[in-house]
Protein backbone atom coordinates (compact mmCIF):
# COMPACT_ATOMS: atom_id res chain seq x y z
CA MET A 1 -25.78 -15.47 -1.02
CA LYS A 2 -23.34 -14.19 1.60
CA VAL A 3 -20.02 -12.73 0.44
CA LEU A 4 -16.83 -12.55 2.50
CA LEU A 5 -14.04 -10.29 1.20
CA VAL A 6 -10.61 -11.21 2.54
CA GLU A 7 -7.31 -9.33 2.85
CA PRO A 8 -4.65 -12.09 3.21
CA PRO A 9 -2.05 -11.92 6.00
CA PHE A 10 1.57 -11.09 5.20
CA MET A 11 3.18 -8.67 7.63
CA ARG A 12 1.26 -10.31 10.45
CA LEU A 13 2.86 -13.64 9.55
CA ARG A 14 6.22 -11.86 9.74
CA ARG A 15 5.31 -11.00 13.34
CA ARG A 16 4.74 -7.33 12.57
CA LYS A 17 1.64 -5.59 13.86
CA THR A 18 0.01 -3.86 10.91
CA THR A 19 -3.19 -1.89 11.27
CA PHE A 20 -5.04 -0.55 8.24
CA PHE A 21 -8.43 -0.62 6.59
CA PRO A 22 -8.35 -2.31 3.13
CA ILE A 23 -9.82 0.47 1.01
CA GLY A 24 -10.07 -1.63 -2.15
CA LEU A 25 -12.23 -4.20 -0.39
CA GLY A 26 -14.16 -1.33 1.16
CA TYR A 27 -15.18 -0.11 -2.29
CA LEU A 28 -16.23 -3.62 -3.33
CA ALA A 29 -18.27 -4.04 -0.16
CA GLY A 30 -19.90 -0.66 -0.63
CA VAL A 31 -21.04 -1.55 -4.14
CA LEU A 32 -22.36 -4.96 -3.10
CA ALA A 33 -24.21 -3.54 -0.09
CA LYS A 34 -25.78 -0.88 -2.29
CA HIS A 35 -27.28 -3.73 -4.31
CA SER A 36 -28.59 -5.50 -1.17
CA ILE A 37 -25.94 -8.22 -1.12
CA ASP A 38 -24.96 -9.54 2.33
CA VAL A 39 -21.21 -8.78 2.54
CA LYS A 40 -18.50 -8.51 5.17
CA ILE A 41 -14.81 -7.56 5.05
CA TYR A 42 -12.30 -9.77 6.84
CA ASN A 43 -8.87 -8.17 7.17
CA ALA A 44 -6.72 -11.16 8.14
CA GLU A 45 -3.68 -8.88 8.20
CA HIS A 46 -5.16 -7.03 11.16
CA SER A 47 -5.15 -8.20 14.75
CA GLU A 48 -4.98 -6.84 18.27
CA GLU A 49 -2.17 -9.17 19.28
CA GLU A 50 1.09 -7.63 20.47
CA PHE A 51 4.20 -9.32 19.15
CA GLU A 52 7.44 -9.45 21.04
CA ASP A 53 9.80 -6.58 20.23
CA THR A 54 11.94 -8.20 17.54
CA SER A 55 13.90 -5.08 16.67
CA ASP A 56 17.49 -4.89 17.81
CA SER A 57 20.05 -2.16 18.36
CA SER A 58 20.70 -1.96 14.62
CA GLY A 59 17.19 -0.63 14.03
CA PRO A 60 13.75 -1.58 12.68
CA TYR A 61 14.74 -2.07 9.03
CA ASN A 62 17.35 -4.68 9.92
CA ALA A 63 14.72 -6.42 12.02
CA LEU A 64 12.16 -6.23 9.21
CA LEU A 65 14.52 -7.89 6.72
CA GLY A 66 15.27 -10.61 9.25
CA GLN A 67 11.60 -11.36 9.86
CA HIS A 68 10.83 -12.41 6.29
CA LYS A 69 11.71 -15.99 7.21
CA TYR A 70 8.68 -16.14 9.52
CA TYR A 71 6.33 -15.59 6.58
CA LYS A 72 7.78 -18.53 4.69
CA GLN A 73 7.69 -20.69 7.80
CA ALA A 74 4.02 -19.83 8.31
CA LEU A 75 3.17 -20.76 4.72
CA ALA A 76 4.53 -24.24 5.40
CA ASP A 77 2.71 -24.62 8.72
CA ASP A 78 -0.96 -25.53 8.31
CA GLY A 79 -1.39 -25.40 12.07
CA HIS A 80 -0.22 -21.79 12.40
CA PRO A 81 -2.56 -19.78 14.67
CA VAL A 82 -3.37 -17.29 11.91
CA TRP A 83 -4.58 -20.04 9.55
CA ARG A 84 -6.66 -21.45 12.40
CA GLU A 85 -8.18 -18.03 12.99
CA ILE A 86 -8.97 -17.68 9.27
CA GLU A 87 -10.59 -21.12 9.22
CA ALA A 88 -12.69 -20.31 12.27
CA THR A 89 -13.77 -16.96 10.79
CA ILE A 90 -14.81 -18.43 7.43
CA ALA A 91 -16.64 -21.26 9.23
CA GLU A 92 -18.50 -18.74 11.38
CA GLN A 93 -19.43 -16.47 8.44
CA ARG A 94 -20.46 -19.37 6.14
CA PRO A 95 -20.06 -17.39 2.88
CA GLY A 96 -21.22 -18.67 -0.47
CA ILE A 97 -18.59 -16.50 -2.17
CA VAL A 98 -15.10 -15.72 -0.86
CA GLY A 99 -13.35 -12.86 -2.64
CA ILE A 100 -9.61 -12.59 -1.97
CA THR A 101 -7.42 -9.68 -3.01
CA SER A 102 -3.73 -10.25 -3.62
CA ARG A 103 -0.51 -8.58 -4.60
CA SER A 104 2.42 -10.78 -5.64
CA ALA A 105 4.02 -11.43 -2.22
CA LYS A 106 0.60 -12.24 -0.74
CA PHE A 107 -0.31 -14.69 -3.52
CA PRO A 108 0.84 -17.81 -1.60
CA SER A 109 -1.14 -16.57 1.40
CA ALA A 110 -4.20 -16.01 -0.79
CA LEU A 111 -3.99 -19.57 -2.09
CA LYS A 112 -3.85 -20.91 1.48
CA ILE A 113 -7.10 -19.07 2.20
CA ALA A 114 -8.67 -20.41 -1.00
CA ALA A 115 -7.79 -23.94 0.09
CA ILE A 116 -9.26 -23.36 3.56
CA ALA A 117 -12.50 -22.03 2.08
CA LYS A 118 -12.85 -25.02 -0.25
CA ARG A 119 -12.05 -27.47 2.52
CA LEU A 120 -14.82 -25.99 4.67
CA ASP A 121 -17.33 -25.88 1.80
CA PRO A 122 -16.49 -27.39 -1.61
CA ASP A 123 -19.49 -25.55 -3.09
CA CYS A 124 -18.17 -22.15 -2.01
CA HIS A 125 -17.11 -19.96 -4.95
CA VAL A 126 -13.55 -18.60 -4.58
CA VAL A 127 -12.71 -15.43 -6.52
CA LEU A 128 -9.26 -13.82 -6.73
CA GLY A 129 -8.70 -10.15 -7.62
CA GLY A 130 -6.16 -7.39 -7.17
CA PRO A 131 -2.81 -6.55 -8.79
CA HIS A 132 -1.31 -10.04 -9.07
CA PRO A 133 -4.42 -11.81 -10.45
CA THR A 134 -4.91 -8.91 -12.88
CA ILE A 135 -1.41 -9.32 -14.31
CA LYS A 136 -1.05 -13.11 -13.90
CA PRO A 137 -4.62 -14.43 -14.36
CA ASP A 138 -3.58 -17.70 -16.05
CA GLU A 139 -1.37 -18.72 -13.15
CA CYS A 140 -4.07 -17.85 -10.63
CA ILE A 141 -6.93 -19.69 -12.31
CA LEU A 142 -4.88 -22.86 -12.68
CA ASP A 143 -4.98 -23.37 -8.92
CA GLU A 144 -7.55 -26.06 -8.11
CA ASN A 145 -9.16 -23.98 -5.37
CA VAL A 146 -9.78 -20.86 -7.48
CA ASP A 147 -13.03 -20.64 -9.46
CA PHE A 148 -12.80 -17.13 -10.93
CA VAL A 149 -10.29 -14.32 -11.43
CA VAL A 150 -11.51 -10.73 -11.62
CA ARG A 151 -9.10 -8.64 -13.66
CA GLY A 152 -8.54 -4.91 -13.30
CA GLU A 153 -11.04 -2.58 -11.65
CA GLY A 154 -13.30 -5.02 -9.88
CA GLU A 155 -16.43 -3.29 -8.63
CA GLU A 156 -18.71 -3.84 -11.63
CA THR A 157 -17.32 -7.25 -12.63
CA PHE A 158 -17.53 -8.68 -9.13
CA LEU A 159 -21.04 -7.31 -8.61
CA GLU A 160 -22.30 -8.92 -11.82
CA LEU A 161 -20.61 -12.21 -10.93
CA CYS A 162 -22.11 -12.27 -7.43
CA GLU A 163 -25.59 -11.52 -8.78
CA ALA A 164 -25.28 -14.23 -11.44
CA LEU A 165 -24.06 -16.85 -8.95
CA ASP A 166 -26.84 -15.90 -6.55
CA ASP A 167 -29.72 -16.19 -9.02
CA GLY A 168 -28.22 -18.93 -11.21
CA SER A 169 -28.03 -16.81 -14.36
CA ASP A 170 -25.28 -17.05 -16.98
CA TRP A 171 -21.93 -15.54 -16.00
CA GLU A 172 -19.70 -16.74 -18.87
CA ASP A 173 -19.79 -13.45 -20.79
CA ILE A 174 -19.24 -11.08 -17.87
CA ALA A 175 -16.46 -8.69 -18.90
CA GLY A 176 -13.20 -8.63 -16.92
CA MET A 177 -13.16 -12.30 -15.84
CA THR A 178 -10.96 -15.36 -16.23
CA TYR A 179 -12.17 -18.91 -15.59
CA MET A 180 -11.63 -22.52 -16.68
CA LYS A 181 -13.90 -24.28 -19.19
CA ASN A 182 -13.31 -27.84 -20.44
CA GLY A 183 -9.73 -27.70 -19.22
CA GLU A 184 -8.98 -24.44 -21.04
CA VAL A 185 -8.37 -20.96 -19.66
CA VAL A 186 -11.02 -18.47 -20.79
CA HIS A 187 -10.52 -14.71 -20.65
CA THR A 188 -13.60 -12.58 -21.23
CA GLU A 189 -13.23 -9.17 -22.82
CA PRO A 190 -11.56 -6.49 -20.68
CA ARG A 191 -13.81 -4.39 -18.48
CA ALA A 192 -13.92 -0.68 -19.30
CA PHE A 193 -12.84 1.59 -16.47
CA ILE A 194 -15.49 3.33 -14.41
CA GLY A 195 -16.05 6.75 -15.96
CA GLU A 196 -17.21 8.71 -12.92
CA LEU A 197 -15.67 7.68 -9.61
CA ASP A 198 -18.28 9.73 -7.74
CA GLU A 199 -20.84 7.11 -8.77
CA LEU A 200 -19.16 4.65 -6.41
CA PRO A 201 -20.38 4.56 -2.82
CA MET A 202 -17.81 5.36 -0.15
CA PRO A 203 -15.69 2.44 1.08
CA ALA A 204 -17.87 0.50 3.52
CA ARG A 205 -15.74 0.89 6.63
CA ASP A 206 -18.70 -0.19 8.75
CA LEU A 207 -18.75 -3.66 7.15
CA VAL A 208 -15.33 -4.75 8.42
CA LEU A 209 -15.33 -7.58 10.95
CA TYR A 210 -14.24 -6.70 14.49
CA PRO A 211 -14.59 -2.90 13.94
CA GLU A 212 -13.99 -2.19 17.62
CA SER A 213 -10.34 -3.22 17.19
CA TYR A 214 -9.61 -0.46 14.66
CA PRO A 215 -8.30 2.83 16.10
CA GLU A 216 -9.69 6.08 14.70
CA THR A 217 -6.43 6.83 12.86
CA VAL A 218 -6.86 3.72 10.70
CA MET A 219 -10.21 4.86 9.35
CA GLY A 220 -8.64 8.15 8.24
CA ALA A 221 -7.08 6.73 5.06
CA LEU A 222 -8.71 7.36 1.67
CA THR A 223 -8.02 7.69 -2.04
CA THR A 224 -9.37 10.54 -4.14
CA SER A 225 -8.11 9.29 -7.51
CA ARG A 226 -7.18 6.18 -9.48
CA GLY A 227 -4.35 5.79 -11.95
CA CYS A 228 -0.90 7.30 -12.39
CA ALA A 229 0.22 9.46 -15.30
CA PHE A 230 3.88 8.52 -14.92
CA LYS A 231 5.84 5.48 -16.10
CA CYS A 232 8.31 4.60 -13.34
CA GLY A 233 9.82 1.29 -14.39
CA TYR A 234 9.40 -0.42 -11.01
CA CYS A 235 5.69 0.37 -10.52
CA SER A 236 2.77 -1.75 -11.74
CA ALA A 237 0.07 0.90 -11.17
CA ALA A 238 -0.32 1.50 -14.90
CA SER A 239 -0.93 -2.22 -15.48
CA THR A 240 -3.78 -2.16 -12.96
CA TRP A 241 -5.30 1.31 -13.36
CA SER A 242 -3.74 2.62 -16.62
CA ARG A 243 -1.91 5.94 -16.96
CA LYS A 244 -5.13 7.91 -17.19
CA VAL A 245 -5.87 9.53 -13.85
CA ARG A 246 -9.54 9.54 -12.84
CA MET A 247 -10.55 11.65 -9.89
CA HIS A 248 -13.31 12.02 -7.37
CA SER A 249 -14.75 15.52 -7.28
CA VAL A 250 -13.63 17.90 -4.55
CA ASP A 251 -17.13 17.74 -3.01
CA SER A 252 -16.98 13.94 -2.91
CA ALA A 253 -13.53 13.93 -1.29
CA VAL A 254 -14.50 16.46 1.37
CA GLY A 255 -17.76 14.58 1.99
CA GLU A 256 -15.86 11.37 2.66
CA ILE A 257 -13.45 13.17 5.00
CA ARG A 258 -16.35 14.71 6.88
CA HIS A 259 -17.93 11.26 7.19
CA ILE A 260 -14.68 9.82 8.57
CA VAL A 261 -14.27 12.66 11.06
CA GLU A 262 -17.87 12.63 12.28
CA LYS A 263 -18.41 8.85 12.41
CA TYR A 264 -14.99 7.62 13.52
CA GLY A 265 -13.54 10.65 15.27
CA ALA A 266 -10.46 10.68 13.06
CA LYS A 267 -8.42 13.89 13.16
CA SER A 268 -5.56 12.65 10.97
CA ILE A 269 -6.12 11.84 7.29
CA VAL A 270 -3.80 9.97 4.91
CA PHE A 271 -4.33 10.36 1.17
CA TRP A 272 -3.26 7.14 -0.56
CA ASP A 273 -3.34 8.57 -4.10
CA ASP A 274 -0.33 7.56 -6.22
CA SER A 275 0.62 11.18 -6.98
CA PHE A 276 -1.66 13.41 -4.93
CA THR A 277 -0.74 16.76 -6.53
CA VAL A 278 -0.76 15.63 -10.16
CA ASN A 279 -3.70 17.98 -10.86
CA ARG A 280 -2.54 21.25 -9.32
CA LYS A 281 -5.80 23.16 -9.86
CA ARG A 282 -7.87 20.43 -8.22
CA ILE A 283 -5.62 20.26 -5.15
CA LEU A 284 -5.82 24.04 -4.73
CA GLU A 285 -9.61 23.71 -4.82
CA LEU A 286 -9.53 20.78 -2.39
CA CYS A 287 -7.32 22.70 0.04
CA GLN A 288 -9.66 25.69 -0.01
CA ALA A 289 -12.63 23.39 0.52
CA LEU A 290 -10.90 21.79 3.52
CA ILE A 291 -10.18 25.24 4.97
CA ASP A 292 -13.81 26.31 4.45
CA SER A 293 -15.09 23.07 6.01
CA LYS A 294 -13.48 23.95 9.37
CA LEU A 295 -12.89 20.25 10.02
CA ASP A 296 -9.50 21.10 11.58
CA ILE A 297 -7.68 17.97 10.42
CA ARG A 298 -4.04 17.14 9.82
CA TRP A 299 -3.15 15.16 6.76
CA SER A 300 -0.34 13.65 4.70
CA CYS A 301 0.05 12.58 1.10
CA THR A 302 2.44 11.09 -1.43
CA THR A 303 3.66 12.99 -4.46
CA ARG A 304 6.62 13.70 -6.72
CA VAL A 305 9.38 16.26 -6.36
CA ASP A 306 8.37 17.85 -9.66
CA LEU A 307 4.74 18.33 -8.59
CA VAL A 308 5.18 20.93 -5.84
CA ASP A 309 5.59 24.71 -5.87
CA ASP A 310 5.39 27.65 -3.46
CA GLU A 311 1.73 28.53 -3.93
CA LEU A 312 0.58 24.92 -3.80
CA LEU A 313 2.57 24.11 -0.65
CA ALA A 314 1.36 27.26 1.09
CA SER A 315 -2.23 26.24 0.37
CA MET A 316 -1.61 22.66 1.50
CA LYS A 317 -0.09 23.88 4.76
CA ARG A 318 -3.05 26.14 5.48
CA ALA A 319 -5.39 23.21 4.81
CA GLY A 320 -3.63 21.01 7.38
CA CYS A 321 -0.86 19.18 5.53
CA THR A 322 1.87 18.11 7.95
CA ARG A 323 3.87 15.55 5.95
CA ILE A 324 4.64 14.76 2.32
CA ASP A 325 6.08 11.42 1.19
CA LEU A 326 8.42 11.79 -1.78
CA GLY A 327 9.61 9.05 -4.11
CA VAL A 328 13.34 9.67 -4.54
CA GLU A 329 14.48 6.07 -5.25
CA SER A 330 18.11 6.72 -6.27
CA GLY A 331 20.92 9.21 -5.72
CA SER A 332 22.26 8.46 -9.19
CA ASN A 333 20.93 10.57 -12.06
CA ARG A 334 21.99 7.78 -14.41
CA MET A 335 19.71 5.32 -12.60
CA LEU A 336 16.87 7.80 -12.32
CA LYS A 337 16.94 8.04 -16.11
CA ILE A 338 17.11 4.26 -16.62
CA ILE A 339 14.11 3.60 -14.36
CA ASP A 340 12.10 6.38 -16.07
CA LYS A 341 11.62 8.30 -12.84
CA GLY A 342 11.69 11.60 -14.72
CA ILE A 343 13.46 13.57 -11.97
CA THR A 344 17.01 14.49 -10.94
CA THR A 345 18.79 14.57 -7.60
CA GLU A 346 19.02 18.35 -7.92
CA LYS A 347 15.23 18.50 -8.15
CA VAL A 348 14.98 16.27 -5.06
CA LYS A 349 17.10 18.64 -2.96
CA TRP A 350 15.14 21.64 -4.25
CA ALA A 351 11.79 20.05 -3.38
CA VAL A 352 12.87 19.04 0.14
CA ASP A 353 14.09 22.57 0.89
CA LEU A 354 10.90 24.10 -0.51
CA ILE A 355 8.64 21.80 1.49
CA HIS A 356 10.57 22.55 4.69
CA LYS A 357 10.25 26.25 3.95
CA HIS A 358 6.52 25.78 4.47
CA LYS A 359 7.09 23.85 7.72
CA ILE A 360 5.88 20.55 6.30
CA GLN A 361 7.73 17.36 7.19
CA VAL A 362 9.27 15.15 4.49
CA SER A 363 9.58 11.38 4.25
CA ALA A 364 11.89 10.19 1.46
CA PHE A 365 11.52 6.80 -0.22
CA PHE A 366 14.66 5.09 -1.56
CA MET A 367 15.20 1.85 -3.45
CA ALA A 368 18.27 -0.28 -4.11
CA GLY A 369 19.00 -3.21 -6.39
CA PHE A 370 17.90 -2.22 -9.91
CA PRO A 371 19.05 -4.60 -12.69
CA GLU A 372 21.45 -2.11 -14.32
CA GLU A 373 22.64 -0.56 -11.04
CA THR A 374 26.37 -0.49 -10.28
CA GLU A 375 28.24 -0.04 -7.01
CA GLU A 376 28.94 3.55 -8.04
CA ASP A 377 25.20 4.14 -8.34
CA LEU A 378 24.62 2.66 -4.88
CA LEU A 379 27.36 4.87 -3.43
CA ALA A 380 25.65 7.90 -5.00
CA THR A 381 22.39 6.89 -3.28
CA ILE A 382 24.19 6.49 0.04
CA LYS A 383 25.71 9.94 -0.38
CA LEU A 384 22.30 11.50 -1.06
CA MET A 385 20.73 9.67 1.88
CA LYS A 386 23.41 11.02 4.19
CA SER A 387 23.06 14.59 2.94
CA LEU A 388 19.28 14.85 2.66
CA ASP A 389 17.69 16.60 5.64
CA VAL A 390 14.38 14.79 5.98
CA GLU A 391 12.37 13.61 8.96
CA THR A 392 12.10 9.95 7.95
CA MET A 393 13.38 7.62 5.25
CA CYS A 394 11.91 4.42 3.84
CA LEU A 395 14.12 1.89 2.09
CA SER A 396 13.00 -0.82 -0.32
CA ILE A 397 14.92 -3.62 -1.98
CA PHE A 398 14.03 -3.58 -5.68
CA THR A 399 11.46 -6.21 -6.58
CA PRO A 400 10.60 -6.83 -10.26
CA TYR A 401 6.85 -6.89 -9.90
CA PRO A 402 4.96 -8.43 -12.83
CA GLY A 403 3.52 -5.87 -15.19
CA THR A 404 6.45 -3.45 -14.87
CA ALA A 405 9.11 -2.43 -17.37
CA LEU A 406 11.85 -3.49 -14.96
CA TYR A 407 10.28 -6.94 -14.63
CA ASP A 408 10.70 -7.29 -18.39
CA MET A 409 14.28 -6.01 -18.13
CA ALA A 410 15.16 -8.40 -15.32
CA HIS A 411 13.56 -11.26 -17.24
CA SER A 412 15.50 -10.45 -20.42
CA LEU A 413 18.72 -10.39 -18.40
CA GLU A 414 17.80 -13.83 -16.99
CA LEU A 415 17.75 -12.47 -13.44
CA ILE A 416 14.38 -14.02 -12.56
CA PRO A 417 14.34 -17.78 -11.88
CA GLU A 418 12.07 -19.93 -14.02
CA ILE A 419 10.28 -21.25 -10.94
CA THR A 420 9.19 -18.12 -9.11
CA ASP A 421 8.62 -18.09 -5.37
CA TRP A 422 6.17 -15.22 -5.08
CA ALA A 423 6.61 -15.23 -1.31
CA ASP A 424 9.97 -13.53 -1.88
CA PHE A 425 8.54 -10.86 -4.18
CA ASP A 426 8.38 -8.18 -1.55
CA HIS A 427 10.45 -5.03 -1.22
CA HIS A 428 11.55 -6.06 2.28
CA SER A 429 12.71 -9.54 1.32
CA PRO A 430 16.40 -10.30 2.02
CA GLU A 431 16.24 -12.86 -0.81
CA ASN A 432 15.86 -10.15 -3.43
CA PHE A 433 18.81 -9.87 -5.77
CA PHE A 434 18.10 -9.00 -9.40
CA MET A 435 21.32 -7.26 -10.42
CA ALA A 436 23.50 -7.85 -13.46
CA LYS A 437 26.47 -5.61 -12.69
CA ILE A 438 27.33 -6.23 -9.05
CA GLU A 439 28.11 -9.21 -6.81
CA ARG A 440 25.59 -10.24 -4.16
CA GLU A 441 27.99 -9.74 -1.23
CA VAL A 442 28.90 -6.23 -2.39
CA PHE A 443 25.21 -5.41 -2.72
CA LYS A 444 24.46 -6.73 0.77
CA LYS A 445 27.25 -4.58 2.20
CA ARG A 446 25.93 -1.41 0.57
CA VAL A 447 22.35 -2.21 1.56
CA SER A 448 23.49 -2.60 5.16
CA GLU A 449 24.85 0.95 5.01
CA MET A 450 21.57 2.21 3.59
CA VAL A 451 19.60 0.39 6.28
CA GLU A 452 21.66 2.04 8.99
CA ILE A 453 21.07 5.50 7.47
CA ALA A 454 17.33 4.88 7.15
CA ASP A 455 17.12 3.55 10.71
CA ARG A 456 19.04 6.55 11.99
CA HIS A 457 16.42 8.83 10.42
CA ARG A 458 13.65 6.89 12.17
CA ARG A 459 15.15 7.31 15.64
CA PRO A 460 13.82 10.19 17.73
CA SER A 461 15.98 13.30 18.07
CA PHE A 462 15.54 16.67 19.70
CA GLN A 463 15.89 18.50 16.36
CA LYS A 464 13.21 16.40 14.67
CA SER A 465 10.88 16.68 17.66
CA LEU A 466 11.29 20.45 17.58
CA ARG A 467 10.61 20.57 13.84
CA ALA A 468 7.51 18.40 14.30
CA LEU A 469 6.29 20.77 17.02
CA LYS A 470 6.71 23.75 14.69
CA THR A 471 4.96 21.86 11.89
CA ASN A 472 1.90 21.19 14.05
CA SER A 473 2.00 24.22 16.37
CA GLY A 474 -1.39 25.65 15.34
CA TYR A 475 -3.13 22.30 15.59
CA TYR A 476 -1.60 21.55 18.99
CA MET A 477 -2.64 24.94 20.35
CA ARG A 478 -6.23 24.08 19.43
CA ASN A 479 -5.87 20.54 20.80
CA PRO A 480 -3.57 20.67 23.86
CA ASN A 481 -4.54 17.16 25.01
CA ILE A 482 -3.06 15.70 21.83
CA PHE A 483 0.07 17.85 22.26
CA PHE A 484 0.80 16.60 25.77
CA GLY A 485 0.21 13.02 24.68
CA LYS A 486 2.75 13.47 21.89
CA VAL A 487 5.29 15.00 24.27
CA ALA A 488 4.96 12.08 26.66
CA GLY A 489 5.41 9.63 23.78
CA LYS A 490 8.50 11.40 22.49
CA LEU A 491 10.10 11.49 25.95
CA TRP A 492 9.42 7.79 26.40
CA ALA A 493 10.86 6.95 22.96
CA GLN A 494 13.98 9.01 23.62
CA ARG A 495 14.39 7.38 27.02
CA ARG A 496 14.25 3.93 25.41
CA SER A 497 16.82 4.93 22.77
CA LEU A 498 19.40 6.09 25.34
CA PRO A 499 22.23 3.68 26.14
CA SER A 500 21.93 2.01 29.53
């Protein structure tokens, strides 16, 4: 029985070109292929189409907030070109099982795909998985076009379900599933987490449809661990993976990187781990292994301000690290405590300075709109954003994702409507407002200031270009063709940003 794994469109429907390889579906496909199941990955978020430049002089974040309306318009338009493409792709592939992953904002998009699959073939089995179905399985299974929900870590559950559906054997007791029986919702027992991640095959990047449309940089993303040991109130990672961190071995991680470099020609790697440096000893070993491998790659990662130090950063730099993404979230120590971030603004400033000391670039992530946040807290965040010397900034509007402590807080404060439009549950939705201590118009005004600061940090400047050159000087000396391409790109970007 053929299986088609689908990543639903979201940013693409907002008229934003987004290019990535869905690693979660890659793991599922790898496991199925290992057991001789015919499987393909269809990333409906990905396309080669070029959208019109919808950004304006106020910057890309303002444009991004303004484009959310296009997603909702597309959901209401059955004749939208993306839905027609999805229908044509499913019709061409003729799968017996369609597996769809979904986070909360993509849930309406996932249901559209489920309906398309059932319309094409009523006998096709539709399975939902991912963060939203894991946390809200009852809501998902009640949709008439959904046959099964896979909860939590899906590789083993989905494999067993596919094998049972293929050979007609009993599937009712497979752990980690939700389904309907005689009009009642049935939850099977939870699936235990995979003990040794190294037992999983690498994500099957070669099974994605239209592989020729993916640039080499896209294939350079990977995860070397699952789970997060921390309890940030806005994050649902613990509800999906738990707070126990499981890790691939250093040999496995380096082997996957070597595979990516040799097969796809990637020279830039992005580690998508929740907190990359949580195990200091392992990262020191990984860095040394990367140095010994002589793969000569550049890479970036995400971590916390309290998980870096001099020795670790020096090793990361030698191993090719060029950028670190830091979760800052707020400039108010009061809010950092309320959201259980476990850091202070003083620690943020210390970490940024220390990372720059090692000539590594910093991207800082901020968030605004927490339930207990006041205008004074927002002003403190604005002050920190203005003072922090980082290369780029990312701004999110707080979204109370299901399965988080702040979702429960927002719900208890009656800030979440009874009828939830999951399409708006995205951190770049202008509809988001879940605050108890501030008026909406005041919040919008302060967010506008934050957007301008974040956009200013994303515009090219001579100082940032010079810092980037210093960060990558060794790599560029070994690869002059890449250096001159970067220079040309920077000059063109600066030319476009100059007033006419």
